[in-house]
Amino acid sequence: MHEHRSPRRSTLTRVVIWTCLLAAFLGPLLVPLYVREQPRLGGLPLFYWSQLIWIPLSAFLLVSAYFLARRRERAGQVGRQ
């Protein structure tokens, strides 16, 4: 016996998935926000350490989107609009 989600919750899940994917893709492309020298962290300018932070952050966002999509698929919500 499967509980079907409400359409509102399914839409919310889809929005969260797309937000995670877009943030992981667009975040590193927003260079004008962090193309400066200050503040420094461990001697590295902001540009370099912010790029290094995006690597694990993007991995987390992509894994989150994957598991949300997988859970949604298992709930039988794929293909329903």
N, C-alpha and C. Protein backbone atom coordinates (compact mmCIF):
# COMPACT_ATOMS: atom_id res chain seq x y z
N MET A 1 0.85 -1.17 0.00
CA MET A 1 0.00 0.00 0.00
C MET A 1 0.90 1.24 0.00
N HIS A 2 0.74 2.07 -1.01
CA HIS A 2 1.54 3.27 -1.12
C HIS A 2 0.69 4.49 -0.86
N GLU A 3 1.26 5.38 -0.11
CA GLU A 3 0.61 6.67 0.08
C GLU A 3 1.04 7.59 -1.04
N HIS A 4 0.08 8.20 -1.70
CA HIS A 4 0.42 9.13 -2.76
C HIS A 4 0.51 10.53 -2.18
N ARG A 5 1.49 11.23 -2.63
CA ARG A 5 1.67 12.60 -2.16
C ARG A 5 0.66 13.52 -2.82
N SER A 6 0.43 14.61 -2.15
CA SER A 6 -0.45 15.61 -2.74
C SER A 6 0.30 16.28 -3.89
N PRO A 7 -0.41 16.82 -4.87
CA PRO A 7 0.25 17.51 -5.98
C PRO A 7 1.10 18.68 -5.50
N ARG A 8 0.68 19.33 -4.43
CA ARG A 8 1.44 20.47 -3.91
C ARG A 8 2.80 20.01 -3.40
N ARG A 9 2.84 18.90 -2.70
CA ARG A 9 4.12 18.40 -2.17
C ARG A 9 5.01 17.91 -3.31
N SER A 10 4.41 17.32 -4.32
CA SER A 10 5.18 16.87 -5.48
C SER A 10 5.81 18.06 -6.19
N THR A 11 5.06 19.13 -6.33
CA THR A 11 5.57 20.34 -6.97
C THR A 11 6.69 20.95 -6.13
N LEU A 12 6.52 20.96 -4.83
CA LEU A 12 7.55 21.49 -3.94
C LEU A 12 8.84 20.67 -4.07
N THR A 13 8.72 19.36 -4.14
CA THR A 13 9.90 18.51 -4.30
C THR A 13 10.59 18.82 -5.61
N ARG A 14 9.83 18.99 -6.66
CA ARG A 14 10.40 19.31 -7.97
C ARG A 14 11.13 20.67 -7.94
N VAL A 15 10.55 21.64 -7.26
CA VAL A 15 11.17 22.96 -7.14
C VAL A 15 12.49 22.86 -6.37
N VAL A 16 12.51 22.07 -5.30
CA VAL A 16 13.73 21.91 -4.51
C VAL A 16 14.81 21.22 -5.34
N ILE A 17 14.43 20.21 -6.10
CA ILE A 17 15.39 19.51 -6.97
C ILE A 17 16.00 20.48 -7.96
N TRP A 18 15.16 21.25 -8.65
CA TRP A 18 15.67 22.19 -9.65
C TRP A 18 16.50 23.30 -9.01
N THR A 19 16.13 23.73 -7.82
CA THR A 19 16.90 24.76 -7.13
C THR A 19 18.30 24.24 -6.79
N CYS A 20 18.38 23.01 -6.31
CA CYS A 20 19.69 22.41 -6.01
C CYS A 20 20.54 22.32 -7.28
N LEU A 21 19.95 21.86 -8.36
CA LEU A 21 20.69 21.72 -9.61
C LEU A 21 21.16 23.07 -10.16
N LEU A 22 20.27 24.05 -10.15
CA LEU A 22 20.64 25.36 -10.66
C LEU A 22 21.68 26.06 -9.78
N ALA A 23 21.57 25.90 -8.47
CA ALA A 23 22.55 26.52 -7.57
C ALA A 23 23.94 25.91 -7.78
N ALA A 24 23.99 24.59 -7.95
CA ALA A 24 25.28 23.93 -8.17
C ALA A 24 25.90 24.35 -9.50
N PHE A 25 25.06 24.64 -10.49
CA PHE A 25 25.57 25.03 -11.80
C PHE A 25 25.88 26.52 -11.88
N LEU A 26 24.98 27.36 -11.38
CA LEU A 26 25.13 28.80 -11.54
C LEU A 26 26.02 29.46 -10.49
N GLY A 27 26.12 28.87 -9.31
CA GLY A 27 26.92 29.46 -8.24
C GLY A 27 28.34 29.79 -8.65
N PRO A 28 29.09 28.83 -9.18
CA PRO A 28 30.47 29.14 -9.59
C PRO A 28 30.56 30.12 -10.76
N LEU A 29 29.48 30.32 -11.49
CA LEU A 29 29.51 31.25 -12.62
C LEU A 29 29.29 32.70 -12.21
N LEU A 30 28.94 32.94 -10.97
CA LEU A 30 28.69 34.30 -10.49
C LEU A 30 29.99 34.95 -10.03
N VAL A 31 30.97 34.94 -10.88
CA VAL A 31 32.32 35.43 -10.57
C VAL A 31 32.33 36.87 -10.08
N PRO A 32 31.56 37.80 -10.64
CA PRO A 32 31.63 39.18 -10.15
C PRO A 32 31.35 39.33 -8.66
N LEU A 33 30.69 38.36 -8.05
CA LEU A 33 30.41 38.46 -6.61
C LEU A 33 31.63 38.19 -5.75
N TYR A 34 32.60 37.45 -6.27
CA TYR A 34 33.73 37.08 -5.42
C TYR A 34 35.09 37.23 -6.09
N VAL A 35 35.21 38.09 -7.09
CA VAL A 35 36.49 38.30 -7.75
C VAL A 35 37.24 39.47 -7.08
N ARG A 36 37.65 39.23 -5.83
CA ARG A 36 38.41 40.23 -5.08
C ARG A 36 39.48 39.53 -4.25
N GLU A 37 40.37 40.32 -3.74
CA GLU A 37 41.49 39.79 -2.95
C GLU A 37 41.12 39.61 -1.48
N GLN A 38 40.32 40.52 -0.96
CA GLN A 38 39.99 40.49 0.47
C GLN A 38 38.60 39.93 0.66
N PRO A 39 38.28 39.22 1.68
CA PRO A 39 39.14 38.78 2.76
C PRO A 39 40.01 37.59 2.34
N ARG A 40 41.07 37.41 3.07
CA ARG A 40 41.97 36.29 2.82
C ARG A 40 41.70 35.21 3.86
N LEU A 41 41.87 33.98 3.45
CA LEU A 41 41.70 32.84 4.34
C LEU A 41 42.90 31.93 4.14
N GLY A 42 43.74 31.82 5.14
CA GLY A 42 44.94 31.02 5.01
C GLY A 42 45.88 31.53 3.95
N GLY A 43 45.89 32.83 3.72
CA GLY A 43 46.75 33.43 2.70
C GLY A 43 46.16 33.42 1.30
N LEU A 44 45.03 32.77 1.12
CA LEU A 44 44.39 32.72 -0.20
C LEU A 44 43.37 33.84 -0.35
N PRO A 45 43.36 34.51 -1.50
CA PRO A 45 42.33 35.53 -1.74
C PRO A 45 40.94 34.91 -1.81
N LEU A 46 39.93 35.74 -1.61
CA LEU A 46 38.53 35.29 -1.61
C LEU A 46 38.21 34.47 -2.85
N PHE A 47 38.69 34.88 -4.02
CA PHE A 47 38.36 34.17 -5.25
C PHE A 47 38.74 32.70 -5.17
N TYR A 48 39.93 32.41 -4.69
CA TYR A 48 40.40 31.01 -4.67
C TYR A 48 39.68 30.17 -3.62
N TRP A 49 39.55 30.68 -2.40
CA TRP A 49 38.91 29.83 -1.40
C TRP A 49 37.41 29.71 -1.62
N SER A 50 36.79 30.69 -2.26
CA SER A 50 35.36 30.53 -2.56
C SER A 50 35.16 29.48 -3.65
N GLN A 51 36.07 29.40 -4.61
CA GLN A 51 36.00 28.35 -5.63
C GLN A 51 36.18 26.98 -4.99
N LEU A 52 37.07 26.88 -4.03
CA LEU A 52 37.28 25.61 -3.34
C LEU A 52 36.08 25.20 -2.49
N ILE A 53 35.38 26.17 -1.94
CA ILE A 53 34.17 25.87 -1.16
C ILE A 53 33.05 25.34 -2.07
N TRP A 54 33.00 25.83 -3.32
CA TRP A 54 31.94 25.39 -4.23
C TRP A 54 32.03 23.90 -4.58
N ILE A 55 33.21 23.31 -4.49
CA ILE A 55 33.35 21.89 -4.84
C ILE A 55 32.52 21.00 -3.91
N PRO A 56 32.75 21.01 -2.59
CA PRO A 56 31.92 20.16 -1.73
C PRO A 56 30.46 20.63 -1.66
N LEU A 57 30.25 21.95 -1.77
CA LEU A 57 28.88 22.46 -1.75
C LEU A 57 28.09 21.95 -2.96
N SER A 58 28.70 21.99 -4.13
CA SER A 58 28.03 21.48 -5.33
C SER A 58 27.79 19.99 -5.23
N ALA A 59 28.76 19.25 -4.68
CA ALA A 59 28.57 17.81 -4.49
C ALA A 59 27.38 17.55 -3.58
N PHE A 60 27.27 18.30 -2.49
CA PHE A 60 26.14 18.14 -1.58
C PHE A 60 24.81 18.45 -2.27
N LEU A 61 24.78 19.53 -3.04
CA LEU A 61 23.54 19.91 -3.74
C LEU A 61 23.14 18.86 -4.77
N LEU A 62 24.10 18.32 -5.51
CA LEU A 62 23.80 17.32 -6.53
C LEU A 62 23.34 16.00 -5.90
N VAL A 63 23.98 15.60 -4.82
CA VAL A 63 23.56 14.37 -4.13
C VAL A 63 22.17 14.56 -3.54
N SER A 64 21.90 15.73 -2.98
CA SER A 64 20.56 16.00 -2.44
C SER A 64 19.50 15.92 -3.53
N ALA A 65 19.78 16.52 -4.68
CA ALA A 65 18.83 16.47 -5.80
C ALA A 65 18.62 15.04 -6.26
N TYR A 66 19.69 14.25 -6.31
CA TYR A 66 19.58 12.86 -6.73
C TYR A 66 18.67 12.07 -5.79
N PHE A 67 18.90 12.19 -4.49
CA PHE A 67 18.09 11.43 -3.55
C PHE A 67 16.64 11.90 -3.51
N LEU A 68 16.42 13.19 -3.67
CA LEU A 68 15.04 13.67 -3.75
C LEU A 68 14.33 13.14 -4.98
N ALA A 69 15.03 13.14 -6.13
CA ALA A 69 14.44 12.62 -7.36
C ALA A 69 14.18 11.12 -7.24
N ARG A 70 15.11 10.42 -6.62
CA ARG A 70 14.95 8.97 -6.45
C ARG A 70 13.76 8.67 -5.55
N ARG A 71 13.63 9.42 -4.46
CA ARG A 71 12.49 9.22 -3.55
C ARG A 71 11.17 9.53 -4.26
N ARG A 72 11.20 10.59 -5.06
CA ARG A 72 10.01 10.97 -5.82
C ARG A 72 9.63 9.89 -6.83
N GLU A 73 10.64 9.32 -7.47
CA GLU A 73 10.40 8.25 -8.45
C GLU A 73 9.82 7.02 -7.78
N ARG A 74 10.36 6.67 -6.65
CA ARG A 74 9.85 5.50 -5.91
C ARG A 74 8.43 5.70 -5.42
N ALA A 75 8.06 6.95 -5.19
CA ALA A 75 6.71 7.24 -4.74
C ALA A 75 5.73 7.24 -5.89
N GLY A 76 6.23 7.02 -7.12
CA GLY A 76 5.35 6.95 -8.27
C GLY A 76 4.91 8.30 -8.78
N GLN A 77 5.71 9.32 -8.52
CA GLN A 77 5.32 10.66 -8.91
C GLN A 77 5.94 11.11 -10.24
N VAL A 78 6.86 10.34 -10.78
CA VAL A 78 7.49 10.72 -12.05
C VAL A 78 6.46 10.58 -13.16
N GLY A 79 6.44 11.53 -14.01
CA GLY A 79 5.48 11.49 -15.12
C GLY A 79 4.18 12.17 -14.80
N ARG A 80 3.92 12.42 -13.55
CA ARG A 80 2.70 13.15 -13.17
C ARG A 80 3.01 14.63 -13.14
N GLN A 81 2.20 15.40 -13.71
CA GLN A 81 2.46 16.84 -13.76
C GLN A 81 1.49 17.56 -12.88
